[in-house]
Amino acid sequence: MPTAQLEMAAFGDHLIPYVPPEPPAPRSLAPWALALAILALTASLFTGWLLPLGVTAVVFSALSLRRPRDSRRVGGWALALAVVSLAFSAGWLIWGFSQLAVV
């Protein structure tokens, strides 16, 4: 019978055991941290009111540096740019508040 061969082929050592697929890796935070750091640095060149954006970039870059699969180079650049943006934003805020008239 034609089906007898199929039944014989369904059992034996030639079967490939089922291996479940690997779970997907978590998404990387390093590109997001770098994008936020660049945005924060650009904004800090013009105004100091976006200081929380720089703080968020520092947090994201610190988290990306702690993750083993994220790029350390991108996370390091994000941290450096975020710290520079914090310095510029703080400088703008200090300068701006010093210009207020004290009555």
PDB file of N, CA and C in Angstrom:
ATOM      1  N   MET A   1       0.830  -1.173   0.000  1.00  0.00           N
ATOM      2  CA  MET A   1       0.000   0.000   0.000  1.00  0.00           C
ATOM      3  C   MET A   1       0.888   1.255   0.000  1.00  0.00           C
ATOM      4  N   PRO A   2       0.426   2.338  -0.613  1.00  0.00           N
ATOM      5  CA  PRO A   2       1.255   3.533  -0.633  1.00  0.00           C
ATOM      6  C   PRO A   2       1.396   4.183   0.731  1.00  0.00           C
ATOM      7  N   THR A   3       0.445   4.019   1.619  1.00  0.00           N
ATOM      8  CA  THR A   3       0.539   4.677   2.908  1.00  0.00           C
ATOM      9  C   THR A   3       1.442   3.940   3.879  1.00  0.00           C
ATOM     10  N   ALA A   4       1.765   2.727   3.625  1.00  0.00           N
ATOM     11  CA  ALA A   4       2.621   1.973   4.526  1.00  0.00           C
ATOM     12  C   ALA A   4       4.007   2.586   4.593  1.00  0.00           C
ATOM     13  N   GLN A   5       4.523   3.050   3.503  1.00  0.00           N
ATOM     14  CA  GLN A   5       5.837   3.668   3.504  1.00  0.00           C
ATOM     15  C   GLN A   5       5.824   4.949   4.338  1.00  0.00           C
ATOM     16  N   LEU A   6       4.743   5.706   4.274  1.00  0.00           N
ATOM     17  CA  LEU A   6       4.663   6.929   5.055  1.00  0.00           C
ATOM     18  C   LEU A   6       4.649   6.636   6.549  1.00  0.00           C
ATOM     19  N   GLU A   7       3.939   5.579   6.945  1.00  0.00           N
ATOM     20  CA  GLU A   7       3.906   5.231   8.364  1.00  0.00           C
ATOM     21  C   GLU A   7       5.275   4.780   8.838  1.00  0.00           C
ATOM     22  N   MET A   8       5.996   4.100   8.042  1.00  0.00           N
ATOM     23  CA  MET A   8       7.325   3.649   8.429  1.00  0.00           C
ATOM     24  C   MET A   8       8.283   4.841   8.506  1.00  0.00           C
ATOM     25  N   ALA A   9       8.104   5.809   7.630  1.00  0.00           N
ATOM     26  CA  ALA A   9       8.997   6.955   7.628  1.00  0.00           C
ATOM     27  C   ALA A   9       8.712   7.914   8.782  1.00  0.00           C
ATOM     28  N   ALA A  10       7.550   7.803   9.395  1.00  0.00           N
ATOM     29  CA  ALA A  10       7.192   8.730  10.462  1.00  0.00           C
ATOM     30  C   ALA A  10       7.861   8.373  11.784  1.00  0.00           C
ATOM     31  N   PHE A  11       8.440   7.196  11.890  1.00  0.00           N
ATOM     32  CA  PHE A  11       9.075   6.778  13.141  1.00  0.00           C
ATOM     33  C   PHE A  11      10.521   6.401  12.869  1.00  0.00           C
ATOM     34  N   GLY A  12      11.390   6.729  13.796  1.00  0.00           N
ATOM     35  CA  GLY A  12      12.770   6.324  13.622  1.00  0.00           C
ATOM     36  C   GLY A  12      13.734   7.396  14.081  1.00  0.00           C
ATOM     37  N   ASP A  13      14.996   7.120  13.850  1.00  0.00           N
ATOM     38  CA  ASP A  13      16.050   8.021  14.295  1.00  0.00           C
ATOM     39  C   ASP A  13      16.238   9.227  13.382  1.00  0.00           C
ATOM     40  N   HIS A  14      15.641   9.224  12.237  1.00  0.00           N
ATOM     41  CA  HIS A  14      15.853  10.296  11.284  1.00  0.00           C
ATOM     42  C   HIS A  14      15.041  11.552  11.600  1.00  0.00           C
ATOM     43  N   LEU A  15      14.191  11.506  12.593  1.00  0.00           N
ATOM     44  CA  LEU A  15      13.385  12.673  12.936  1.00  0.00           C
ATOM     45  C   LEU A  15      14.239  13.738  13.617  1.00  0.00           C
ATOM     46  N   ILE A  16      13.975  14.983  13.303  1.00  0.00           N
ATOM     47  CA  ILE A  16      14.676  16.103  13.931  1.00  0.00           C
ATOM     48  C   ILE A  16      13.901  16.500  15.175  1.00  0.00           C
ATOM     49  N   PRO A  17      14.558  16.512  16.342  1.00  0.00           N
ATOM     50  CA  PRO A  17      13.813  16.870  17.560  1.00  0.00           C
ATOM     51  C   PRO A  17      13.385  18.337  17.530  1.00  0.00           C
ATOM     52  N   TYR A  18      12.277  18.616  18.158  1.00  0.00           N
ATOM     53  CA  TYR A  18      11.746  19.982  18.204  1.00  0.00           C
ATOM     54  C   TYR A  18      12.567  20.822  19.182  1.00  0.00           C
ATOM     55  N   VAL A  19      13.075  21.917  18.690  1.00  0.00           N
ATOM     56  CA  VAL A  19      13.804  22.870  19.518  1.00  0.00           C
ATOM     57  C   VAL A  19      13.007  24.176  19.466  1.00  0.00           C
ATOM     58  N   PRO A  20      12.513  24.631  20.615  1.00  0.00           N
ATOM     59  CA  PRO A  20      11.727  25.870  20.574  1.00  0.00           C
ATOM     60  C   PRO A  20      12.606  27.044  20.158  1.00  0.00           C
ATOM     61  N   PRO A  21      12.024  28.011  19.453  1.00  0.00           N
ATOM     62  CA  PRO A  21      12.833  29.162  19.022  1.00  0.00           C
ATOM     63  C   PRO A  21      13.257  30.011  20.212  1.00  0.00           C
ATOM     64  N   GLU A  22      14.383  30.682  20.037  1.00  0.00           N
ATOM     65  CA  GLU A  22      14.869  31.555  21.107  1.00  0.00           C
ATOM     66  C   GLU A  22      13.935  32.746  21.244  1.00  0.00           C
ATOM     67  N   PRO A  23      13.704  33.183  22.471  1.00  0.00           N
ATOM     68  CA  PRO A  23      12.857  34.374  22.623  1.00  0.00           C
ATOM     69  C   PRO A  23      13.562  35.591  22.019  1.00  0.00           C
ATOM     70  N   PRO A  24      12.795  36.530  21.492  1.00  0.00           N
ATOM     71  CA  PRO A  24      13.444  37.700  20.891  1.00  0.00           C
ATOM     72  C   PRO A  24      14.184  38.515  21.940  1.00  0.00           C
ATOM     73  N   ALA A  25      15.307  39.059  21.510  1.00  0.00           N
ATOM     74  CA  ALA A  25      16.114  39.875  22.412  1.00  0.00           C
ATOM     75  C   ALA A  25      15.379  41.184  22.700  1.00  0.00           C
ATOM     76  N   PRO A  26      15.528  41.717  23.909  1.00  0.00           N
ATOM     77  CA  PRO A  26      14.873  43.000  24.196  1.00  0.00           C
ATOM     78  C   PRO A  26      15.461  44.098  23.319  1.00  0.00           C
ATOM     79  N   ARG A  27      14.630  45.067  23.018  1.00  0.00           N
ATOM     80  CA  ARG A  27      15.067  46.161  22.147  1.00  0.00           C
ATOM     81  C   ARG A  27      16.139  46.990  22.843  1.00  0.00           C
ATOM     82  N   SER A  28      17.025  47.512  22.047  1.00  0.00           N
ATOM     83  CA  SER A  28      18.154  48.270  22.568  1.00  0.00           C
ATOM     84  C   SER A  28      17.726  49.680  22.955  1.00  0.00           C
ATOM     85  N   LEU A  29      18.233  50.141  24.088  1.00  0.00           N
ATOM     86  CA  LEU A  29      17.960  51.500  24.540  1.00  0.00           C
ATOM     87  C   LEU A  29      19.017  52.498  24.060  1.00  0.00           C
ATOM     88  N   ALA A  30      20.142  51.994  23.608  1.00  0.00           N
ATOM     89  CA  ALA A  30      21.253  52.880  23.241  1.00  0.00           C
ATOM     90  C   ALA A  30      20.895  53.849  22.106  1.00  0.00           C
ATOM     91  N   PRO A  31      20.239  53.415  21.017  1.00  0.00           N
ATOM     92  CA  PRO A  31      19.894  54.400  19.981  1.00  0.00           C
ATOM     93  C   PRO A  31      18.905  55.454  20.472  1.00  0.00           C
ATOM     94  N   TRP A  32      17.980  55.047  21.325  1.00  0.00           N
ATOM     95  CA  TRP A  32      17.026  56.017  21.884  1.00  0.00           C
ATOM     96  C   TRP A  32      17.745  57.009  22.780  1.00  0.00           C
ATOM     97  N   ALA A  33      18.681  56.522  23.560  1.00  0.00           N
ATOM     98  CA  ALA A  33      19.440  57.420  24.434  1.00  0.00           C
ATOM     99  C   ALA A  33      20.272  58.402  23.611  1.00  0.00           C
ATOM    100  N   LEU A  34      20.881  57.925  22.528  1.00  0.00           N
ATOM    101  CA  LEU A  34      21.681  58.807  21.684  1.00  0.00           C
ATOM    102  C   LEU A  34      20.793  59.852  20.996  1.00  0.00           C
ATOM    103  N   ALA A  35      19.628  59.434  20.517  1.00  0.00           N
ATOM    104  CA  ALA A  35      18.716  60.383  19.872  1.00  0.00           C
ATOM    105  C   ALA A  35      18.246  61.444  20.865  1.00  0.00           C
ATOM    106  N   LEU A  36      17.912  61.038  22.088  1.00  0.00           N
ATOM    107  CA  LEU A  36      17.506  62.007  23.106  1.00  0.00           C
ATOM    108  C   LEU A  36      18.656  62.936  23.481  1.00  0.00           C
ATOM    109  N   ALA A  37      19.861  62.399  23.555  1.00  0.00           N
ATOM    110  CA  ALA A  37      21.016  63.225  23.909  1.00  0.00           C
ATOM    111  C   ALA A  37      21.307  64.259  22.823  1.00  0.00           C
ATOM    112  N   ILE A  38      21.202  63.855  21.562  1.00  0.00           N
ATOM    113  CA  ILE A  38      21.430  64.811  20.468  1.00  0.00           C
ATOM    114  C   ILE A  38      20.346  65.879  20.478  1.00  0.00           C
ATOM    115  N   LEU A  39      19.107  65.465  20.690  1.00  0.00           N
ATOM    116  CA  LEU A  39      18.006  66.430  20.758  1.00  0.00           C
ATOM    117  C   LEU A  39      18.179  67.382  21.939  1.00  0.00           C
ATOM    118  N   ALA A  40      18.579  66.841  23.086  1.00  0.00           N
ATOM    119  CA  ALA A  40      18.787  67.676  24.271  1.00  0.00           C
ATOM    120  C   ALA A  40      19.957  68.639  24.070  1.00  0.00           C
ATOM    121  N   LEU A  41      21.021  68.183  23.428  1.00  0.00           N
ATOM    122  CA  LEU A  41      22.166  69.055  23.181  1.00  0.00           C
ATOM    123  C   LEU A  41      21.802  70.174  22.204  1.00  0.00           C
ATOM    124  N   THR A  42      21.061  69.830  21.178  1.00  0.00           N
ATOM    125  CA  THR A  42      20.622  70.851  20.221  1.00  0.00           C
ATOM    126  C   THR A  42      19.731  71.881  20.895  1.00  0.00           C
ATOM    127  N   ALA A  43      18.808  71.412  21.729  1.00  0.00           N
ATOM    128  CA  ALA A  43      17.905  72.336  22.421  1.00  0.00           C
ATOM    129  C   ALA A  43      18.647  73.173  23.451  1.00  0.00           C
ATOM    130  N   SER A  44      19.657  72.586  24.083  1.00  0.00           N
ATOM    131  CA  SER A  44      20.370  73.330  25.129  1.00  0.00           C
ATOM    132  C   SER A  44      21.249  74.445  24.560  1.00  0.00           C
ATOM    133  N   LEU A  45      21.520  74.413  23.268  1.00  0.00           N
ATOM    134  CA  LEU A  45      22.282  75.497  22.659  1.00  0.00           C
ATOM    135  C   LEU A  45      21.443  76.768  22.544  1.00  0.00           C
ATOM    136  N   PHE A  46      20.119  76.615  22.586  1.00  0.00           N
ATOM    137  CA  PHE A  46      19.225  77.759  22.410  1.00  0.00           C
ATOM    138  C   PHE A  46      18.471  78.152  23.672  1.00  0.00           C
ATOM    139  N   THR A  47      18.167  77.188  24.523  1.00  0.00           N
ATOM    140  CA  THR A  47      17.400  77.481  25.729  1.00  0.00           C
ATOM    141  C   THR A  47      17.755  76.486  26.821  1.00  0.00           C
ATOM    142  N   GLY A  48      17.485  76.862  28.036  1.00  0.00           N
ATOM    143  CA  GLY A  48      17.789  75.974  29.151  1.00  0.00           C
ATOM    144  C   GLY A  48      16.573  75.278  29.718  1.00  0.00           C
ATOM    145  N   TRP A  49      15.398  75.580  29.176  1.00  0.00           N
ATOM    146  CA  TRP A  49      14.174  75.041  29.767  1.00  0.00           C
ATOM    147  C   TRP A  49      13.953  73.567  29.475  1.00  0.00           C
ATOM    148  N   LEU A  50      14.722  73.008  28.557  1.00  0.00           N
ATOM    149  CA  LEU A  50      14.571  71.585  28.258  1.00  0.00           C
ATOM    150  C   LEU A  50      15.592  70.745  29.020  1.00  0.00           C
ATOM    151  N   LEU A  51      15.942  71.186  30.192  1.00  0.00           N
ATOM    152  CA  LEU A  51      16.846  70.435  31.068  1.00  0.00           C
ATOM    153  C   LEU A  51      16.312  69.034  31.374  1.00  0.00           C
ATOM    154  N   PRO A  52      14.997  68.838  31.588  1.00  0.00           N
ATOM    155  CA  PRO A  52      14.510  67.469  31.834  1.00  0.00           C
ATOM    156  C   PRO A  52      14.765  66.512  30.670  1.00  0.00           C
ATOM    157  N   LEU A  53      14.860  67.027  29.465  1.00  0.00           N
ATOM    158  CA  LEU A  53      15.182  66.162  28.332  1.00  0.00           C
ATOM    159  C   LEU A  53      16.607  65.619  28.467  1.00  0.00           C
ATOM    160  N   GLY A  54      17.515  66.447  28.936  1.00  0.00           N
ATOM    161  CA  GLY A  54      18.885  65.989  29.182  1.00  0.00           C
ATOM    162  C   GLY A  54      18.952  64.977  30.316  1.00  0.00           C
ATOM    163  N   VAL A  55      18.141  65.197  31.347  1.00  0.00           N
ATOM    164  CA  VAL A  55      18.100  64.237  32.461  1.00  0.00           C
ATOM    165  C   VAL A  55      17.570  62.890  31.971  1.00  0.00           C
ATOM    166  N   THR A  56      16.547  62.932  31.129  1.00  0.00           N
ATOM    167  CA  THR A  56      16.004  61.690  30.564  1.00  0.00           C
ATOM    168  C   THR A  56      17.049  60.984  29.705  1.00  0.00           C
ATOM    169  N   ALA A  57      17.814  61.743  28.949  1.00  0.00           N
ATOM    170  CA  ALA A  57      18.877  61.144  28.132  1.00  0.00           C
ATOM    171  C   ALA A  57      19.957  60.506  29.004  1.00  0.00           C
ATOM    172  N   VAL A  58      20.275  61.139  30.124  1.00  0.00           N
ATOM    173  CA  VAL A  58      21.269  60.553  31.044  1.00  0.00           C
ATOM    174  C   VAL A  58      20.742  59.237  31.612  1.00  0.00           C
ATOM    175  N   VAL A  59      19.479  59.210  32.000  1.00  0.00           N
ATOM    176  CA  VAL A  59      18.890  57.982  32.563  1.00  0.00           C
ATOM    177  C   VAL A  59      18.875  56.872  31.519  1.00  0.00           C
ATOM    178  N   PHE A  60      18.440  57.184  30.286  1.00  0.00           N
ATOM    179  CA  PHE A  60      18.395  56.166  29.238  1.00  0.00           C
ATOM    180  C   PHE A  60      19.791  55.655  28.900  1.00  0.00           C
ATOM    181  N   SER A  61      20.759  56.553  28.861  1.00  0.00           N
ATOM    182  CA  SER A  61      22.112  56.111  28.529  1.00  0.00           C
ATOM    183  C   SER A  61      22.713  55.273  29.661  1.00  0.00           C
ATOM    184  N   ALA A  62      22.415  55.627  30.906  1.00  0.00           N
ATOM    185  CA  ALA A  62      22.905  54.804  32.021  1.00  0.00           C
ATOM    186  C   ALA A  62      22.264  53.421  31.995  1.00  0.00           C
ATOM    187  N   LEU A  63      20.981  53.365  31.666  1.00  0.00           N
ATOM    188  CA  LEU A  63      20.322  52.067  31.552  1.00  0.00           C
ATOM    189  C   LEU A  63      20.885  51.252  30.400  1.00  0.00           C
ATOM    190  N   SER A  64      21.199  51.915  29.288  1.00  0.00           N
ATOM    191  CA  SER A  64      21.749  51.179  28.150  1.00  0.00           C
ATOM    192  C   SER A  64      23.165  50.680  28.439  1.00  0.00           C
ATOM    193  N   LEU A  65      23.917  51.413  29.252  1.00  0.00           N
ATOM    194  CA  LEU A  65      25.258  50.942  29.614  1.00  0.00           C
ATOM    195  C   LEU A  65      25.209  49.743  30.553  1.00  0.00           C
ATOM    196  N   ARG A  66      24.126  49.601  31.286  1.00  0.00           N
ATOM    197  CA  ARG A  66      24.006  48.471  32.210  1.00  0.00           C
ATOM    198  C   ARG A  66      23.501  47.202  31.532  1.00  0.00           C
ATOM    199  N   ARG A  67      22.925  47.319  30.345  1.00  0.00           N
ATOM    200  CA  ARG A  67      22.412  46.144  29.639  1.00  0.00           C
ATOM    201  C   ARG A  67      23.541  45.464  28.878  1.00  0.00           C
ATOM    202  N   PRO A  68      23.646  44.154  28.962  1.00  0.00           N
ATOM    203  CA  PRO A  68      24.785  43.479  28.324  1.00  0.00           C
ATOM    204  C   PRO A  68      24.723  43.463  26.798  1.00  0.00           C
ATOM    205  N   ARG A  69      23.544  43.523  26.194  1.00  0.00           N
ATOM    206  CA  ARG A  69      23.450  43.418  24.739  1.00  0.00           C
ATOM    207  C   ARG A  69      23.495  44.766  24.032  1.00  0.00           C
ATOM    208  N   ASP A  70      23.360  45.856  24.751  1.00  0.00           N
ATOM    209  CA  ASP A  70      23.382  47.178  24.126  1.00  0.00           C
ATOM    210  C   ASP A  70      24.808  47.582  23.794  1.00  0.00           C
ATOM    211  N   SER A  71      24.928  48.427  22.803  1.00  0.00           N
ATOM    212  CA  SER A  71      26.240  48.899  22.376  1.00  0.00           C
ATOM    213  C   SER A  71      26.815  49.855  23.422  1.00  0.00           C
ATOM    214  N   ARG A  72      27.976  49.524  23.931  1.00  0.00           N
ATOM    215  CA  ARG A  72      28.611  50.376  24.941  1.00  0.00           C
ATOM    216  C   ARG A  72      29.136  51.660  24.319  1.00  0.00           C
ATOM    217  N   ARG A  73      29.545  51.604  23.072  1.00  0.00           N
ATOM    218  CA  ARG A  73      30.060  52.796  22.402  1.00  0.00           C
ATOM    219  C   ARG A  73      28.945  53.820  22.207  1.00  0.00           C
ATOM    220  N   VAL A  74      27.782  53.368  21.757  1.00  0.00           N
ATOM    221  CA  VAL A  74      26.657  54.276  21.554  1.00  0.00           C
ATOM    222  C   VAL A  74      26.156  54.802  22.899  1.00  0.00           C
ATOM    223  N   GLY A  75      26.107  53.926  23.903  1.00  0.00           N
ATOM    224  CA  GLY A  75      25.695  54.359  25.232  1.00  0.00           C
ATOM    225  C   GLY A  75      26.657  55.368  25.843  1.00  0.00           C
ATOM    226  N   GLY A  76      27.950  55.186  25.596  1.00  0.00           N
ATOM    227  CA  GLY A  76      28.941  56.134  26.103  1.00  0.00           C
ATOM    228  C   GLY A  76      28.818  57.491  25.437  1.00  0.00           C
ATOM    229  N   TRP A  77      28.632  57.494  24.116  1.00  0.00           N
ATOM    230  CA  TRP A  77      28.421  58.761  23.414  1.00  0.00           C
ATOM    231  C   TRP A  77      27.149  59.449  23.890  1.00  0.00           C
ATOM    232  N   ALA A  78      26.114  58.652  24.103  1.00  0.00           N
ATOM    233  CA  ALA A  78      24.855  59.242  24.582  1.00  0.00           C
ATOM    234  C   ALA A  78      25.038  59.865  25.958  1.00  0.00           C
ATOM    235  N   LEU A  79      25.773  59.194  26.828  1.00  0.00           N
ATOM    236  CA  LEU A  79      26.004  59.737  28.161  1.00  0.00           C
ATOM    237  C   LEU A  79      26.833  61.020  28.093  1.00  0.00           C
ATOM    238  N   ALA A  80      27.870  61.022  27.268  1.00  0.00           N
ATOM    239  CA  ALA A  80      28.717  62.218  27.154  1.00  0.00           C
ATOM    240  C   ALA A  80      27.931  63.408  26.607  1.00  0.00           C
ATOM    241  N   LEU A  81      27.153  63.191  25.549  1.00  0.00           N
ATOM    242  CA  LEU A  81      26.373  64.283  24.970  1.00  0.00           C
ATOM    243  C   LEU A  81      25.283  64.758  25.926  1.00  0.00           C
ATOM    244  N   ALA A  82      24.702  63.834  26.680  1.00  0.00           N
ATOM    245  CA  ALA A  82      23.661  64.218  27.637  1.00  0.00           C
ATOM    246  C   ALA A  82      24.241  65.057  28.770  1.00  0.00           C
ATOM    247  N   VAL A  83      25.435  64.721  29.230  1.00  0.00           N
ATOM    248  CA  VAL A  83      26.064  65.504  30.299  1.00  0.00           C
ATOM    249  C   VAL A  83      26.431  66.897  29.787  1.00  0.00           C
ATOM    250  N   VAL A  84      26.911  66.980  28.556  1.00  0.00           N
ATOM    251  CA  VAL A  84      27.220  68.294  27.972  1.00  0.00           C
ATOM    252  C   VAL A  84      25.939  69.117  27.825  1.00  0.00           C
ATOM    253  N   SER A  85      24.850  68.477  27.424  1.00  0.00           N
ATOM    254  CA  SER A  85      23.585  69.217  27.304  1.00  0.00           C
ATOM    255  C   SER A  85      23.092  69.693  28.662  1.00  0.00           C
ATOM    256  N   LEU A  86      23.322  68.906  29.704  1.00  0.00           N
ATOM    257  CA  LEU A  86      22.953  69.348  31.056  1.00  0.00           C
ATOM    258  C   LEU A  86      23.774  70.562  31.469  1.00  0.00           C
ATOM    259  N   ALA A  87      25.047  70.551  31.130  1.00  0.00           N
ATOM    260  CA  ALA A  87      25.899  71.693  31.482  1.00  0.00           C
ATOM    261  C   ALA A  87      25.455  72.956  30.744  1.00  0.00           C
ATOM    262  N   PHE A  88      25.155  72.834  29.456  1.00  0.00           N
ATOM    263  CA  PHE A  88      24.687  73.999  28.702  1.00  0.00           C
ATOM    264  C   PHE A  88      23.346  74.493  29.219  1.00  0.00           C
ATOM    265  N   SER A  89      22.430  73.577  29.491  1.00  0.00           N
ATOM    266  CA  SER A  89      21.109  73.984  29.993  1.00  0.00           C
ATOM    267  C   SER A  89      21.228  74.658  31.352  1.00  0.00           C
ATOM    268  N   ALA A  90      22.057  74.094  32.224  1.00  0.00           N
ATOM    269  CA  ALA A  90      22.252  74.711  33.540  1.00  0.00           C
ATOM    270  C   ALA A  90      22.894  76.092  33.394  1.00  0.00           C
ATOM    271  N   GLY A  91      23.835  76.233  32.470  1.00  0.00           N
ATOM    272  CA  GLY A  91      24.440  77.538  32.232  1.00  0.00           C
ATOM    273  C   GLY A  91      23.425  78.557  31.752  1.00  0.00           C
ATOM    274  N   TRP A  92      22.561  78.159  30.841  1.00  0.00           N
ATOM    275  CA  TRP A  92      21.503  79.060  30.379  1.00  0.00           C
ATOM    276  C   TRP A  92      20.582  79.467  31.518  1.00  0.00           C
ATOM    277  N   LEU A  93      20.192  78.507  32.355  1.00  0.00           N
ATOM    278  CA  LEU A  93      19.277  78.818  33.458  1.00  0.00           C
ATOM    279  C   LEU A  93      19.943  79.724  34.488  1.00  0.00           C
ATOM    280  N   ILE A  94      21.205  79.477  34.791  1.00  0.00           N
ATOM    281  CA  ILE A  94      21.911  80.332  35.752  1.00  0.00           C
ATOM    282  C   ILE A  94      22.041  81.745  35.198  1.00  0.00           C
ATOM    283  N   TRP A  95      22.398  81.860  33.918  1.00  0.00           N
ATOM    284  CA  TRP A  95      22.513  83.171  33.299  1.00  0.00           C
ATOM    285  C   TRP A  95      21.152  83.881  33.259  1.00  0.00           C
ATOM    286  N   GLY A  96      20.112  83.143  32.917  1.00  0.00           N
ATOM    287  CA  GLY A  96      18.785  83.737  32.814  1.00  0.00           C
ATOM    288  C   GLY A  96      18.261  84.231  34.154  1.00  0.00           C
ATOM    289  N   PHE A  97      18.463  83.458  35.188  1.00  0.00           N
ATOM    290  CA  PHE A  97      17.999  83.879  36.513  1.00  0.00           C
ATOM    291  C   PHE A  97      18.851  85.015  37.064  1.00  0.00           C
ATOM    292  N   SER A  98      20.101  85.097  36.636  1.00  0.00           N
ATOM    293  CA  SER A  98      20.932  86.210  37.108  1.00  0.00           C
ATOM    294  C   SER A  98      20.527  87.527  36.441  1.00  0.00           C
ATOM    295  N   GLN A  99      19.843  87.466  35.318  1.00  0.00           N
ATOM    296  CA  GLN A  99      19.407  88.671  34.621  1.00  0.00           C
ATOM    297  C   GLN A  99      18.098  89.243  35.168  1.00  0.00           C
ATOM    298  N   LEU A 100      17.436  88.479  36.015  1.00  0.00           N
ATOM    299  CA  LEU A 100      16.189  88.984  36.619  1.00  0.00           C
ATOM    300  C   LEU A 100      16.501  90.152  37.545  1.00  0.00           C
ATOM    301  N   ALA A 101      15.650  91.130  37.522  1.00  0.00           N
ATOM    302  CA  ALA A 101      15.855  92.299  38.380  1.00  0.00           C
ATOM    303  C   ALA A 101      15.473  91.966  39.819  1.00  0.00           C
ATOM    304  N   VAL A 102      16.367  92.229  40.721  1.00  0.00           N
ATOM    305  CA  VAL A 102      16.102  91.993  42.133  1.00  0.00           C
ATOM    306  C   VAL A 102      15.550  93.285  42.714  1.00  0.00           C
ATOM    307  N   VAL A 103      14.326  93.216  43.252  1.00  0.00           N
ATOM    308  CA  VAL A 103      13.675  94.415  43.786  1.00  0.00           C
ATOM    309  C   VAL A 103      13.528  94.300  45.264  1.00  0.00           C
TER     310      VAL A 103
END
